[in-house]
Amino acid sequence: MMKQSPKILKSLARRWSPLAFSEKPLEQSRLDRLFEAARWAPSSFNEQPWRFIYAHRSEESFRSFLDCLVEGNREWAQHAPVLLLTVAKTFYDYNRSPNGFAHYETGMAMGNLLVQATKMGLYVHQMGGYSKELATKKLEIPEGFEPVAMAAVGYYGKAEDLPVALRRREQQQRNRLPMHEIAMKNRFKQGPT
C-alpha cells in the first residue's frame, strides 16, 4: 500500500486496484450508489456521455463480459461479483456533431465512481485488456457509442488465494511519478525542473 498523503482526501490516497476479489455478492443498492456518484460528473453541454453496462456474477450474462477479457484479466476477474464496461456516446445530441471530450468525460464519471467505491469499502480494478469488437457485439452497443474500459467491482478478497504470479503483483509496492513529472509550470518539461 502507498503511504497516504495528509493533504488530499483519504479516499483518493486509499484507492487501489486489487486482483484479489471476494466472491461475496455486491448488493444492487450499493452498486446503484456508485452509479449515482458517476451520474454527477461534469460534462460539456451537460451531455453526460457515459454509459455503464454491467452484470453480476450470479447472472448468465456475466459470461459475456468474461469472454471479452484477455486471458490474463479473466484469470482473476472471474471472481469479482460484478463486471462492468464503460461506454462513451461519441456525438452531441443537440447538433449530432462529434464529441471530442466523450472519453475524457466518461473517465471523469468513472473517477467519481472510484472515489465513492473507496469511501464505501469497495474496490474497482479497471482494465484495458479486453476486445472492444467482441464487447460491441456481445453487449449490443449501437453505432455512436464506443467501449472505453472494463472494470471488476466488489469486496477485497485474499491475496493468498491468487496464483503465485498474481499474488506477487498484488503485493508489490504502489508508487506514483514524482510531482515534477506530472505538474509543469509554464511549458512542457521532461526531467527534473
N, C-alpha and C. Protein backbone atom coordinates (compact mmCIF):
# COMPACT_ATOMS: atom_id res chain seq x y z
N MET A 1 0.84 -1.19 0.00
CA MET A 1 0.00 0.00 0.00
C MET A 1 0.88 1.25 0.00
N MET A 2 0.34 2.30 -0.59
CA MET A 2 1.05 3.56 -0.68
C MET A 2 0.82 4.39 0.58
N LYS A 3 1.84 5.10 1.02
CA LYS A 3 1.69 5.98 2.17
C LYS A 3 0.70 7.08 1.81
N GLN A 4 -0.24 7.31 2.70
CA GLN A 4 -1.30 8.27 2.46
C GLN A 4 -0.84 9.70 2.73
N SER A 5 -1.15 10.58 1.82
CA SER A 5 -0.83 11.99 2.00
C SER A 5 -1.89 12.64 2.88
N PRO A 6 -1.49 13.43 3.87
CA PRO A 6 -2.48 14.09 4.72
C PRO A 6 -3.16 15.27 4.05
N LYS A 7 -2.70 15.66 2.85
CA LYS A 7 -3.21 16.87 2.23
C LYS A 7 -4.27 16.61 1.18
N ILE A 8 -4.63 15.36 0.94
CA ILE A 8 -5.68 15.06 -0.03
C ILE A 8 -6.74 14.19 0.64
N LEU A 9 -7.88 14.02 -0.02
CA LEU A 9 -8.94 13.18 0.53
C LEU A 9 -8.42 11.76 0.75
N LYS A 10 -8.77 11.19 1.87
CA LYS A 10 -8.32 9.84 2.19
C LYS A 10 -8.78 8.84 1.13
N SER A 11 -9.97 9.04 0.60
CA SER A 11 -10.49 8.12 -0.42
C SER A 11 -9.62 8.12 -1.67
N LEU A 12 -9.02 9.24 -1.99
CA LEU A 12 -8.14 9.30 -3.16
C LEU A 12 -6.84 8.55 -2.89
N ALA A 13 -6.27 8.74 -1.73
CA ALA A 13 -5.00 8.09 -1.40
C ALA A 13 -5.16 6.58 -1.17
N ARG A 14 -6.32 6.16 -0.69
CA ARG A 14 -6.56 4.75 -0.39
C ARG A 14 -7.02 3.96 -1.63
N ARG A 15 -7.45 4.64 -2.68
CA ARG A 15 -7.95 3.93 -3.85
C ARG A 15 -6.88 2.99 -4.39
N TRP A 16 -7.28 1.79 -4.73
CA TRP A 16 -6.33 0.77 -5.13
C TRP A 16 -7.04 -0.21 -6.05
N SER A 17 -6.33 -0.78 -6.99
CA SER A 17 -6.90 -1.72 -7.96
C SER A 17 -6.39 -3.13 -7.66
N PRO A 18 -7.06 -3.87 -6.79
CA PRO A 18 -6.58 -5.20 -6.44
C PRO A 18 -6.89 -6.24 -7.51
N LEU A 19 -6.24 -7.37 -7.38
CA LEU A 19 -6.52 -8.53 -8.21
C LEU A 19 -7.35 -9.55 -7.45
N ALA A 20 -7.28 -9.50 -6.13
CA ALA A 20 -8.00 -10.46 -5.28
C ALA A 20 -9.37 -9.90 -4.91
N PHE A 21 -10.40 -10.51 -5.45
CA PHE A 21 -11.77 -10.11 -5.12
C PHE A 21 -12.47 -11.23 -4.37
N SER A 22 -13.24 -10.84 -3.39
CA SER A 22 -14.08 -11.79 -2.67
C SER A 22 -15.25 -12.16 -3.58
N GLU A 23 -15.73 -13.38 -3.46
CA GLU A 23 -16.89 -13.79 -4.24
C GLU A 23 -18.20 -13.35 -3.58
N LYS A 24 -18.10 -12.62 -2.48
CA LYS A 24 -19.29 -12.10 -1.80
C LYS A 24 -20.08 -11.24 -2.78
N PRO A 25 -21.38 -11.51 -2.94
CA PRO A 25 -22.19 -10.72 -3.88
C PRO A 25 -22.20 -9.24 -3.50
N LEU A 26 -22.26 -8.39 -4.51
CA LEU A 26 -22.36 -6.96 -4.30
C LEU A 26 -23.83 -6.56 -4.41
N GLU A 27 -24.33 -5.99 -3.35
CA GLU A 27 -25.74 -5.63 -3.31
C GLU A 27 -26.05 -4.58 -4.38
N GLN A 28 -27.20 -4.72 -5.04
CA GLN A 28 -27.58 -3.78 -6.09
C GLN A 28 -27.68 -2.36 -5.55
N SER A 29 -28.14 -2.21 -4.32
CA SER A 29 -28.27 -0.86 -3.74
C SER A 29 -26.90 -0.18 -3.61
N ARG A 30 -25.86 -0.95 -3.30
CA ARG A 30 -24.52 -0.37 -3.19
C ARG A 30 -23.97 -0.04 -4.57
N LEU A 31 -24.22 -0.90 -5.54
CA LEU A 31 -23.80 -0.64 -6.91
C LEU A 31 -24.50 0.61 -7.45
N ASP A 32 -25.78 0.75 -7.13
CA ASP A 32 -26.53 1.94 -7.57
C ASP A 32 -25.93 3.22 -6.99
N ARG A 33 -25.40 3.17 -5.79
CA ARG A 33 -24.75 4.35 -5.20
C ARG A 33 -23.51 4.74 -6.00
N LEU A 34 -22.79 3.75 -6.51
CA LEU A 34 -21.62 4.04 -7.35
C LEU A 34 -22.05 4.74 -8.64
N PHE A 35 -23.11 4.24 -9.25
CA PHE A 35 -23.59 4.85 -10.49
C PHE A 35 -24.15 6.25 -10.24
N GLU A 36 -24.74 6.44 -9.07
CA GLU A 36 -25.24 7.78 -8.72
C GLU A 36 -24.08 8.77 -8.59
N ALA A 37 -22.97 8.33 -8.01
CA ALA A 37 -21.78 9.19 -7.91
C ALA A 37 -21.28 9.53 -9.31
N ALA A 38 -21.25 8.55 -10.19
CA ALA A 38 -20.79 8.77 -11.57
C ALA A 38 -21.71 9.75 -12.30
N ARG A 39 -22.98 9.66 -12.02
CA ARG A 39 -24.00 10.48 -12.70
C ARG A 39 -23.76 11.98 -12.52
N TRP A 40 -23.09 12.36 -11.44
CA TRP A 40 -22.89 13.77 -11.13
C TRP A 40 -21.59 14.34 -11.66
N ALA A 41 -20.91 13.61 -12.51
CA ALA A 41 -19.67 14.13 -13.10
C ALA A 41 -19.99 15.27 -14.07
N PRO A 42 -19.04 16.18 -14.28
CA PRO A 42 -19.26 17.27 -15.22
C PRO A 42 -19.14 16.81 -16.66
N SER A 43 -19.83 17.53 -17.56
CA SER A 43 -19.72 17.23 -18.99
C SER A 43 -20.06 18.47 -19.80
N SER A 44 -19.45 18.55 -20.99
CA SER A 44 -19.72 19.69 -21.86
C SER A 44 -21.16 19.63 -22.38
N PHE A 45 -21.81 20.78 -22.38
CA PHE A 45 -23.22 20.91 -22.78
C PHE A 45 -24.13 19.97 -21.98
N ASN A 46 -23.66 19.53 -20.82
CA ASN A 46 -24.41 18.60 -19.97
C ASN A 46 -24.84 17.34 -20.73
N GLU A 47 -24.01 16.90 -21.66
CA GLU A 47 -24.32 15.73 -22.48
C GLU A 47 -24.32 14.42 -21.70
N GLN A 48 -23.50 14.34 -20.64
CA GLN A 48 -23.41 13.13 -19.84
C GLN A 48 -23.22 11.90 -20.74
N PRO A 49 -22.08 11.84 -21.46
CA PRO A 49 -21.90 10.80 -22.47
C PRO A 49 -21.56 9.41 -21.93
N TRP A 50 -21.42 9.27 -20.63
CA TRP A 50 -21.02 7.98 -20.06
C TRP A 50 -22.21 7.04 -19.97
N ARG A 51 -21.92 5.77 -20.19
CA ARG A 51 -22.88 4.70 -20.01
C ARG A 51 -22.14 3.55 -19.32
N PHE A 52 -22.86 2.80 -18.51
CA PHE A 52 -22.28 1.65 -17.82
C PHE A 52 -23.15 0.43 -18.11
N ILE A 53 -22.53 -0.61 -18.62
CA ILE A 53 -23.21 -1.88 -18.83
C ILE A 53 -22.58 -2.84 -17.82
N TYR A 54 -23.37 -3.58 -17.09
CA TYR A 54 -22.80 -4.42 -16.04
C TYR A 54 -23.56 -5.73 -15.90
N ALA A 55 -22.92 -6.67 -15.22
CA ALA A 55 -23.55 -7.95 -14.89
C ALA A 55 -22.99 -8.45 -13.57
N HIS A 56 -23.88 -9.05 -12.79
CA HIS A 56 -23.48 -9.72 -11.55
C HIS A 56 -23.00 -11.13 -11.89
N ARG A 57 -22.06 -11.64 -11.12
CA ARG A 57 -21.51 -12.97 -11.37
C ARG A 57 -22.61 -14.04 -11.34
N SER A 58 -23.67 -13.82 -10.60
CA SER A 58 -24.76 -14.79 -10.49
C SER A 58 -25.63 -14.84 -11.75
N GLU A 59 -25.43 -13.90 -12.66
CA GLU A 59 -26.27 -13.83 -13.87
C GLU A 59 -25.58 -14.50 -15.06
N GLU A 60 -26.39 -15.06 -15.94
CA GLU A 60 -25.87 -15.73 -17.13
C GLU A 60 -25.06 -14.78 -18.01
N SER A 61 -25.45 -13.51 -18.07
CA SER A 61 -24.77 -12.53 -18.92
C SER A 61 -23.34 -12.23 -18.48
N PHE A 62 -22.98 -12.58 -17.25
CA PHE A 62 -21.63 -12.37 -16.74
C PHE A 62 -20.60 -13.05 -17.65
N ARG A 63 -20.98 -14.19 -18.21
CA ARG A 63 -20.10 -14.94 -19.11
C ARG A 63 -19.70 -14.10 -20.32
N SER A 64 -20.64 -13.30 -20.85
CA SER A 64 -20.34 -12.44 -22.00
C SER A 64 -19.25 -11.43 -21.67
N PHE A 65 -19.29 -10.89 -20.47
CA PHE A 65 -18.27 -9.94 -20.03
C PHE A 65 -16.91 -10.64 -19.91
N LEU A 66 -16.92 -11.81 -19.28
CA LEU A 66 -15.68 -12.56 -19.13
C LEU A 66 -15.07 -12.90 -20.49
N ASP A 67 -15.91 -13.28 -21.44
CA ASP A 67 -15.44 -13.65 -22.77
C ASP A 67 -14.70 -12.51 -23.46
N CYS A 68 -15.03 -11.28 -23.12
CA CYS A 68 -14.39 -10.11 -23.75
C CYS A 68 -12.99 -9.84 -23.21
N LEU A 69 -12.69 -10.33 -22.02
CA LEU A 69 -11.41 -10.06 -21.37
C LEU A 69 -10.29 -10.91 -21.96
N VAL A 70 -9.08 -10.35 -21.95
CA VAL A 70 -7.90 -11.15 -22.30
C VAL A 70 -7.69 -12.16 -21.18
N GLU A 71 -7.03 -13.26 -21.48
CA GLU A 71 -6.87 -14.36 -20.53
C GLU A 71 -6.27 -13.90 -19.20
N GLY A 72 -5.25 -13.04 -19.24
CA GLY A 72 -4.61 -12.58 -18.00
C GLY A 72 -5.57 -11.87 -17.07
N ASN A 73 -6.53 -11.12 -17.59
CA ASN A 73 -7.53 -10.46 -16.75
C ASN A 73 -8.64 -11.43 -16.35
N ARG A 74 -9.01 -12.31 -17.25
CA ARG A 74 -10.08 -13.27 -16.97
C ARG A 74 -9.71 -14.15 -15.77
N GLU A 75 -8.42 -14.46 -15.64
CA GLU A 75 -7.94 -15.35 -14.58
C GLU A 75 -8.36 -14.89 -13.19
N TRP A 76 -8.25 -13.58 -12.93
CA TRP A 76 -8.62 -13.07 -11.61
C TRP A 76 -9.99 -12.41 -11.58
N ALA A 77 -10.41 -11.79 -12.69
CA ALA A 77 -11.68 -11.05 -12.71
C ALA A 77 -12.90 -11.95 -12.60
N GLN A 78 -12.74 -13.22 -12.92
CA GLN A 78 -13.87 -14.15 -12.84
C GLN A 78 -14.43 -14.26 -11.43
N HIS A 79 -13.65 -13.88 -10.42
CA HIS A 79 -14.08 -13.99 -9.03
C HIS A 79 -14.81 -12.73 -8.54
N ALA A 80 -14.71 -11.64 -9.27
CA ALA A 80 -15.36 -10.39 -8.85
C ALA A 80 -16.88 -10.57 -8.92
N PRO A 81 -17.61 -9.95 -8.01
CA PRO A 81 -19.06 -10.09 -8.04
C PRO A 81 -19.75 -9.33 -9.17
N VAL A 82 -19.07 -8.29 -9.70
CA VAL A 82 -19.65 -7.50 -10.79
C VAL A 82 -18.56 -7.17 -11.80
N LEU A 83 -18.89 -7.29 -13.08
CA LEU A 83 -18.05 -6.78 -14.15
C LEU A 83 -18.83 -5.71 -14.86
N LEU A 84 -18.14 -4.65 -15.26
CA LEU A 84 -18.82 -3.59 -15.98
C LEU A 84 -17.96 -3.09 -17.12
N LEU A 85 -18.63 -2.47 -18.07
CA LEU A 85 -17.98 -1.84 -19.21
C LEU A 85 -18.43 -0.39 -19.26
N THR A 86 -17.47 0.53 -19.33
CA THR A 86 -17.82 1.93 -19.55
C THR A 86 -17.88 2.16 -21.05
N VAL A 87 -18.85 2.96 -21.44
CA VAL A 87 -19.10 3.25 -22.85
C VAL A 87 -19.27 4.76 -22.99
N ALA A 88 -18.72 5.32 -24.06
CA ALA A 88 -18.85 6.76 -24.32
C ALA A 88 -19.74 7.00 -25.53
N LYS A 89 -20.70 7.93 -25.38
CA LYS A 89 -21.52 8.39 -26.50
C LYS A 89 -20.68 9.43 -27.23
N THR A 90 -20.37 9.18 -28.48
CA THR A 90 -19.35 9.97 -29.19
C THR A 90 -19.89 11.16 -29.97
N PHE A 91 -21.15 11.50 -29.80
CA PHE A 91 -21.73 12.63 -30.53
C PHE A 91 -22.56 13.49 -29.57
N TYR A 92 -22.74 14.74 -29.96
CA TYR A 92 -23.59 15.65 -29.19
C TYR A 92 -25.03 15.49 -29.66
N ASP A 93 -25.95 15.42 -28.73
CA ASP A 93 -27.37 15.31 -29.09
C ASP A 93 -27.88 16.55 -29.82
N TYR A 94 -27.43 17.73 -29.37
CA TYR A 94 -28.03 18.97 -29.87
C TYR A 94 -27.73 19.24 -31.34
N ASN A 95 -26.60 18.75 -31.88
CA ASN A 95 -26.32 19.00 -33.30
C ASN A 95 -25.72 17.80 -34.03
N ARG A 96 -25.66 16.66 -33.33
CA ARG A 96 -25.15 15.41 -33.90
C ARG A 96 -23.68 15.47 -34.33
N SER A 97 -22.93 16.49 -33.91
CA SER A 97 -21.51 16.58 -34.25
C SER A 97 -20.70 15.71 -33.29
N PRO A 98 -19.46 15.34 -33.67
CA PRO A 98 -18.62 14.50 -32.80
C PRO A 98 -18.31 15.20 -31.48
N ASN A 99 -18.34 14.44 -30.42
CA ASN A 99 -17.99 14.94 -29.10
C ASN A 99 -16.56 14.49 -28.80
N GLY A 100 -15.60 15.36 -29.01
CA GLY A 100 -14.21 15.05 -28.78
C GLY A 100 -13.84 14.89 -27.31
N PHE A 101 -14.75 15.20 -26.43
CA PHE A 101 -14.50 15.09 -24.99
C PHE A 101 -15.20 13.89 -24.36
N ALA A 102 -15.87 13.08 -25.16
CA ALA A 102 -16.69 11.99 -24.63
C ALA A 102 -15.89 11.02 -23.77
N HIS A 103 -14.71 10.62 -24.23
CA HIS A 103 -13.90 9.67 -23.46
C HIS A 103 -13.36 10.32 -22.19
N TYR A 104 -12.95 11.57 -22.29
CA TYR A 104 -12.47 12.33 -21.14
C TYR A 104 -13.56 12.41 -20.07
N GLU A 105 -14.76 12.76 -20.49
CA GLU A 105 -15.87 12.92 -19.56
C GLU A 105 -16.32 11.58 -18.98
N THR A 106 -16.24 10.52 -19.77
CA THR A 106 -16.55 9.19 -19.26
C THR A 106 -15.53 8.82 -18.18
N GLY A 107 -14.28 9.21 -18.39
CA GLY A 107 -13.24 9.00 -17.38
C GLY A 107 -13.52 9.77 -16.10
N MET A 108 -14.04 10.99 -16.23
CA MET A 108 -14.38 11.76 -15.03
C MET A 108 -15.51 11.08 -14.26
N ALA A 109 -16.50 10.55 -14.97
CA ALA A 109 -17.59 9.83 -14.31
C ALA A 109 -17.04 8.62 -13.57
N MET A 110 -16.11 7.92 -14.21
CA MET A 110 -15.51 6.76 -13.57
C MET A 110 -14.68 7.19 -12.36
N GLY A 111 -14.04 8.35 -12.43
CA GLY A 111 -13.30 8.87 -11.28
C GLY A 111 -14.22 9.08 -10.09
N ASN A 112 -15.40 9.65 -10.35
CA ASN A 112 -16.39 9.82 -9.26
C ASN A 112 -16.76 8.46 -8.67
N LEU A 113 -16.98 7.49 -9.55
CA LEU A 113 -17.36 6.15 -9.11
C LEU A 113 -16.25 5.54 -8.24
N LEU A 114 -15.00 5.74 -8.64
CA LEU A 114 -13.88 5.18 -7.88
C LEU A 114 -13.78 5.77 -6.48
N VAL A 115 -13.96 7.07 -6.37
CA VAL A 115 -13.88 7.72 -5.05
C VAL A 115 -15.02 7.22 -4.17
N GLN A 116 -16.21 7.14 -4.73
CA GLN A 116 -17.37 6.65 -3.97
C GLN A 116 -17.14 5.21 -3.52
N ALA A 117 -16.64 4.37 -4.41
CA ALA A 117 -16.39 2.96 -4.07
C ALA A 117 -15.41 2.86 -2.92
N THR A 118 -14.33 3.62 -2.98
CA THR A 118 -13.31 3.57 -1.93
C THR A 118 -13.91 4.01 -0.60
N LYS A 119 -14.71 5.05 -0.63
CA LYS A 119 -15.36 5.55 0.59
C LYS A 119 -16.28 4.49 1.20
N MET A 120 -16.86 3.63 0.34
CA MET A 120 -17.80 2.60 0.79
C MET A 120 -17.10 1.27 1.12
N GLY A 121 -15.77 1.23 1.02
CA GLY A 121 -15.07 -0.02 1.31
C GLY A 121 -15.12 -1.02 0.17
N LEU A 122 -15.39 -0.53 -1.04
CA LEU A 122 -15.42 -1.38 -2.23
C LEU A 122 -14.17 -1.14 -3.06
N TYR A 123 -13.89 -2.05 -3.96
CA TYR A 123 -12.71 -1.95 -4.81
C TYR A 123 -13.12 -2.08 -6.27
N VAL A 124 -12.40 -1.35 -7.11
CA VAL A 124 -12.63 -1.35 -8.55
C VAL A 124 -11.28 -1.53 -9.24
N HIS A 125 -11.20 -2.46 -10.15
CA HIS A 125 -9.99 -2.65 -10.94
C HIS A 125 -10.38 -2.47 -12.40
N GLN A 126 -9.92 -1.36 -12.99
CA GLN A 126 -10.22 -1.08 -14.39
C GLN A 126 -9.26 -1.84 -15.30
N MET A 127 -9.77 -2.18 -16.49
CA MET A 127 -8.98 -3.00 -17.42
C MET A 127 -9.09 -2.48 -18.84
N GLY A 128 -7.95 -2.37 -19.49
CA GLY A 128 -7.92 -2.08 -20.91
C GLY A 128 -7.71 -3.35 -21.71
N GLY A 129 -7.39 -4.44 -21.03
CA GLY A 129 -7.13 -5.72 -21.69
C GLY A 129 -8.41 -6.47 -21.98
N TYR A 130 -9.07 -6.06 -23.05
CA TYR A 130 -10.31 -6.72 -23.48
C TYR A 130 -10.51 -6.41 -24.97
N SER A 131 -11.40 -7.12 -25.59
CA SER A 131 -11.70 -6.92 -27.01
C SER A 131 -12.88 -5.95 -27.16
N LYS A 132 -12.59 -4.77 -27.71
CA LYS A 132 -13.67 -3.80 -27.95
C LYS A 132 -14.66 -4.33 -28.97
N GLU A 133 -14.14 -5.03 -29.97
CA GLU A 133 -15.01 -5.57 -31.02
C GLU A 133 -15.98 -6.60 -30.45
N LEU A 134 -15.45 -7.50 -29.63
CA LEU A 134 -16.29 -8.53 -29.02
C LEU A 134 -17.29 -7.91 -28.05
N ALA A 135 -16.85 -6.93 -27.27
CA ALA A 135 -17.76 -6.25 -26.34
C ALA A 135 -18.89 -5.55 -27.10
N THR A 136 -18.54 -4.91 -28.20
CA THR A 136 -19.56 -4.22 -29.01
C THR A 136 -20.60 -5.21 -29.51
N LYS A 137 -20.14 -6.36 -29.95
CA LYS A 137 -21.04 -7.38 -30.47
C LYS A 137 -21.86 -8.04 -29.36
N LYS A 138 -21.17 -8.58 -28.35
CA LYS A 138 -21.84 -9.35 -27.30
C LYS A 138 -22.78 -8.49 -26.44
N LEU A 139 -22.41 -7.22 -26.23
CA LEU A 139 -23.21 -6.36 -25.36
C LEU A 139 -24.12 -5.43 -26.15
N GLU A 140 -24.16 -5.64 -27.46
CA GLU A 140 -25.10 -4.95 -28.37
C GLU A 140 -24.99 -3.43 -28.28
N ILE A 141 -23.76 -2.94 -28.38
CA ILE A 141 -23.52 -1.49 -28.31
C ILE A 141 -23.80 -0.88 -29.67
N PRO A 142 -24.70 0.10 -29.75
CA PRO A 142 -25.07 0.68 -31.04
C PRO A 142 -24.02 1.64 -31.59
N GLU A 143 -24.17 1.97 -32.87
CA GLU A 143 -23.30 2.94 -33.51
C GLU A 143 -23.42 4.28 -32.79
N GLY A 144 -22.29 4.99 -32.69
CA GLY A 144 -22.27 6.27 -31.98
C GLY A 144 -21.85 6.12 -30.52
N PHE A 145 -21.65 4.90 -30.09
CA PHE A 145 -21.20 4.61 -28.73
C PHE A 145 -19.96 3.73 -28.83
N GLU A 146 -18.94 4.01 -28.00
CA GLU A 146 -17.69 3.26 -28.05
C GLU A 146 -17.31 2.73 -26.68
N PRO A 147 -16.91 1.45 -26.61
CA PRO A 147 -16.40 0.92 -25.35
C PRO A 147 -15.14 1.67 -24.93
N VAL A 148 -14.99 1.92 -23.65
CA VAL A 148 -13.82 2.62 -23.13
C VAL A 148 -12.95 1.68 -22.30
N ALA A 149 -13.48 1.17 -21.20
CA ALA A 149 -12.71 0.27 -20.34
C ALA A 149 -13.66 -0.66 -19.61
N MET A 150 -13.13 -1.81 -19.23
CA MET A 150 -13.90 -2.73 -18.39
C MET A 150 -13.41 -2.58 -16.96
N ALA A 151 -14.20 -3.08 -16.02
CA ALA A 151 -13.80 -3.00 -14.62
C ALA A 151 -14.43 -4.14 -13.83
N ALA A 152 -13.70 -4.60 -12.84
CA ALA A 152 -14.22 -5.55 -11.85
C ALA A 152 -14.54 -4.74 -10.61
N VAL A 153 -15.67 -5.03 -9.97
CA VAL A 153 -16.13 -4.26 -8.81
C VAL A 153 -16.54 -5.23 -7.71
N GLY A 154 -16.14 -4.92 -6.48
CA GLY A 154 -16.59 -5.75 -5.37
C GLY A 154 -15.79 -5.53 -4.11
N TYR A 155 -15.83 -6.54 -3.26
CA TYR A 155 -15.13 -6.52 -1.98
C TYR A 155 -13.75 -7.16 -2.15
N TYR A 156 -12.83 -6.74 -1.32
CA TYR A 156 -11.48 -7.30 -1.40
C TYR A 156 -11.49 -8.74 -0.91
N GLY A 157 -10.73 -9.57 -1.60
CA GLY A 157 -10.61 -10.98 -1.24
C GLY A 157 -9.33 -11.23 -0.47
N LYS A 158 -8.70 -12.37 -0.72
CA LYS A 158 -7.47 -12.75 -0.04
C LYS A 158 -6.37 -12.94 -1.06
N ALA A 159 -5.28 -12.22 -0.89
CA ALA A 159 -4.15 -12.33 -1.81
C ALA A 159 -3.63 -13.76 -1.87
N GLU A 160 -3.68 -14.47 -0.75
CA GLU A 160 -3.16 -15.84 -0.73
C GLU A 160 -3.99 -16.81 -1.58
N ASP A 161 -5.18 -16.41 -1.99
CA ASP A 161 -6.00 -17.25 -2.86
C ASP A 161 -5.60 -17.12 -4.33
N LEU A 162 -4.78 -16.13 -4.65
CA LEU A 162 -4.35 -15.91 -6.03
C LEU A 162 -3.22 -16.88 -6.40
N PRO A 163 -3.10 -17.20 -7.69
CA PRO A 163 -1.92 -17.95 -8.13
C PRO A 163 -0.66 -17.15 -7.80
N VAL A 164 0.47 -17.83 -7.67
CA VAL A 164 1.71 -17.21 -7.20
C VAL A 164 2.09 -15.94 -7.97
N ALA A 165 2.06 -15.99 -9.30
CA ALA A 165 2.46 -14.82 -10.10
C ALA A 165 1.55 -13.62 -9.83
N LEU A 166 0.24 -13.86 -9.71
CA LEU A 166 -0.69 -12.77 -9.42
C LEU A 166 -0.53 -12.28 -7.99
N ARG A 167 -0.23 -13.19 -7.08
CA ARG A 167 -0.02 -12.80 -5.68
C ARG A 167 1.16 -11.84 -5.57
N ARG A 168 2.21 -12.10 -6.35
CA ARG A 168 3.38 -11.20 -6.33
C ARG A 168 2.98 -9.80 -6.81
N ARG A 169 2.22 -9.76 -7.90
CA ARG A 169 1.74 -8.45 -8.41
C ARG A 169 0.89 -7.75 -7.36
N GLU A 170 0.04 -8.50 -6.70
CA GLU A 170 -0.87 -7.93 -5.69
C GLU A 170 -0.11 -7.30 -4.54
N GLN A 171 1.02 -7.86 -4.21
CA GLN A 171 1.76 -7.43 -3.03
C GLN A 171 2.88 -6.43 -3.34
N GLN A 172 3.00 -6.02 -4.61
CA GLN A 172 4.02 -5.03 -4.97
C GLN A 172 3.70 -3.68 -4.34
N GLN A 173 4.73 -2.94 -4.06
CA GLN A 173 4.58 -1.58 -3.52
C GLN A 173 3.93 -0.68 -4.56
N ARG A 174 2.95 0.08 -4.14
CA ARG A 174 2.33 1.09 -5.03
C ARG A 174 3.26 2.28 -5.09
N ASN A 175 3.37 2.87 -6.28
CA ASN A 175 4.16 4.09 -6.38
C ASN A 175 3.56 5.00 -7.45
N ARG A 176 3.94 6.24 -7.39
CA ARG A 176 3.47 7.24 -8.34
C ARG A 176 4.66 8.05 -8.81
N LEU A 177 4.51 8.64 -10.00
CA LEU A 177 5.56 9.51 -10.51
C LEU A 177 5.75 10.69 -9.56
N PRO A 178 6.97 11.24 -9.50
CA PRO A 178 7.17 12.42 -8.68
C PRO A 178 6.38 13.61 -9.24
N MET A 179 6.00 14.51 -8.38
CA MET A 179 5.16 15.65 -8.75
C MET A 179 5.72 16.42 -9.94
N HIS A 180 7.04 16.64 -9.98
CA HIS A 180 7.62 17.46 -11.05
C HIS A 180 7.46 16.81 -12.44
N GLU A 181 7.18 15.52 -12.48
CA GLU A 181 6.99 14.87 -13.78
C GLU A 181 5.56 14.98 -14.30
N ILE A 182 4.63 15.37 -13.43
CA ILE A 182 3.24 15.48 -13.87
C ILE A 182 2.69 16.91 -13.85
N ALA A 183 3.29 17.80 -13.07
CA ALA A 183 2.82 19.18 -12.99
C ALA A 183 3.97 20.10 -13.40
N MET A 184 3.82 20.75 -14.55
CA MET A 184 4.90 21.57 -15.12
C MET A 184 4.43 23.01 -15.28
N LYS A 185 5.14 23.92 -14.72
CA LYS A 185 4.77 25.33 -14.80
C LYS A 185 5.27 25.95 -16.10
N ASN A 186 4.42 26.67 -16.75
CA ASN A 186 4.70 27.50 -17.94
C ASN A 186 4.83 26.74 -19.26
N ARG A 187 5.42 25.56 -19.26
CA ARG A 187 5.59 24.82 -20.51
C ARG A 187 5.86 23.36 -20.19
N PHE A 188 5.76 22.51 -21.23
CA PHE A 188 6.04 21.09 -21.05
C PHE A 188 7.53 20.89 -20.83
N LYS A 189 7.85 20.11 -19.79
CA LYS A 189 9.26 19.85 -19.47
C LYS A 189 9.41 18.37 -19.16
N GLN A 190 10.52 17.80 -19.58
CA GLN A 190 10.85 16.44 -19.20
C GLN A 190 12.04 16.47 -18.29
N GLY A 191 12.07 15.56 -17.33
CA GLY A 191 13.18 15.53 -16.40
C GLY A 191 12.95 16.47 -15.24
N PRO A 192 13.92 16.59 -14.35
CA PRO A 192 13.79 17.45 -13.17
C PRO A 192 13.59 18.92 -13.57
N THR A 193 12.78 19.62 -12.79
CA THR A 193 12.54 21.05 -13.06
C THR A 193 13.39 21.93 -12.18
